[in-house]
Amino acid sequence: MPTPIDDAAFEYLLARAGLTLTDAEKVELKTVCDGIAALAERVRKPRGRMAEPALTYGFTEEDVQ
């Protein structure tokens, strides 16, 4: 699990993105920030082809007609 973002880094990222948020919006965004970081960490891991099972189908001749 990634380290939670600290306030200084969070404020820096908001400023760099050019976002002007209210205090309520900042609190709400920061609550999902850790979840987004965890998601990004999972997505960046190499996976085998079975991670995308929708790429294979088991249609029979009857299904196609």
Protein backbone atom coordinates (compact mmCIF):
# COMPACT_ATOMS: atom_id res chain seq x y z
CA MET A 1 0.00 0.00 0.00
CA PRO A 2 1.40 3.43 -0.89
CA THR A 3 2.28 5.92 1.81
CA PRO A 4 -0.56 8.41 2.42
CA ILE A 5 0.10 11.81 0.87
CA ASP A 6 1.09 14.55 3.30
CA ASP A 7 -0.50 18.00 3.30
CA ALA A 8 2.49 19.79 1.76
CA ALA A 9 2.69 17.37 -1.18
CA PHE A 10 -1.07 17.52 -1.65
CA GLU A 11 -1.04 21.34 -1.76
CA TYR A 12 1.90 21.27 -4.19
CA LEU A 13 0.09 18.93 -6.56
CA LEU A 14 -3.06 21.06 -6.45
CA ALA A 15 -1.05 24.21 -7.22
CA ARG A 16 0.87 22.50 -10.02
CA ALA A 17 -2.39 21.32 -11.57
CA GLY A 18 -3.78 24.84 -11.32
CA LEU A 19 -6.70 23.78 -9.16
CA THR A 20 -8.36 26.17 -6.78
CA LEU A 21 -10.50 24.15 -4.41
CA THR A 22 -12.54 24.97 -1.35
CA ASP A 23 -11.55 23.38 1.95
CA ALA A 24 -14.46 20.95 1.65
CA GLU A 25 -13.37 19.92 -1.85
CA LYS A 26 -9.78 19.41 -0.65
CA VAL A 27 -10.96 17.14 2.18
CA GLU A 28 -13.09 15.11 -0.21
CA LEU A 29 -10.31 14.78 -2.79
CA LYS A 30 -7.74 13.81 -0.18
CA THR A 31 -9.99 11.00 1.10
CA VAL A 32 -9.86 9.29 -2.31
CA CYS A 33 -6.22 10.11 -3.01
CA ASP A 34 -4.88 7.03 -1.18
CA GLY A 35 -7.32 4.77 -3.01
CA ILE A 36 -6.26 6.18 -6.37
CA ALA A 37 -2.59 5.63 -5.51
CA ALA A 38 -3.34 2.01 -4.55
CA LEU A 39 -5.24 1.51 -7.80
CA ALA A 40 -2.35 2.92 -9.84
CA GLU A 41 0.05 0.59 -8.04
CA ARG A 42 -2.09 -2.46 -8.90
CA VAL A 43 -2.57 -1.44 -12.53
CA ARG A 44 1.15 -0.97 -13.16
CA LYS A 45 2.03 -4.57 -12.24
CA PRO A 46 2.72 -6.99 -15.10
CA ARG A 47 -0.10 -9.46 -15.61
CA GLY A 48 -0.55 -12.56 -17.67
CA ARG A 49 -3.08 -12.93 -20.42
CA MET A 50 -5.63 -14.43 -18.05
CA ALA A 51 -6.02 -11.01 -16.45
CA GLU A 52 -8.20 -10.21 -19.45
CA PRO A 53 -10.43 -13.28 -19.70
CA ALA A 54 -12.85 -11.47 -22.02
CA LEU A 55 -10.30 -11.90 -24.81
CA THR A 56 -11.21 -15.57 -25.16
CA TYR A 57 -14.64 -16.90 -25.94
CA GLY A 58 -16.04 -20.39 -25.96
CA PHE A 59 -18.72 -20.04 -28.67
CA THR A 60 -20.12 -23.13 -30.26
CA GLU A 61 -21.34 -23.31 -33.87
CA GLU A 62 -24.91 -23.04 -32.56
CA ASP A 63 -24.15 -19.76 -30.79
CA VAL A 64 -22.83 -18.12 -33.96
CA GLN A 65 -25.81 -18.97 -36.19
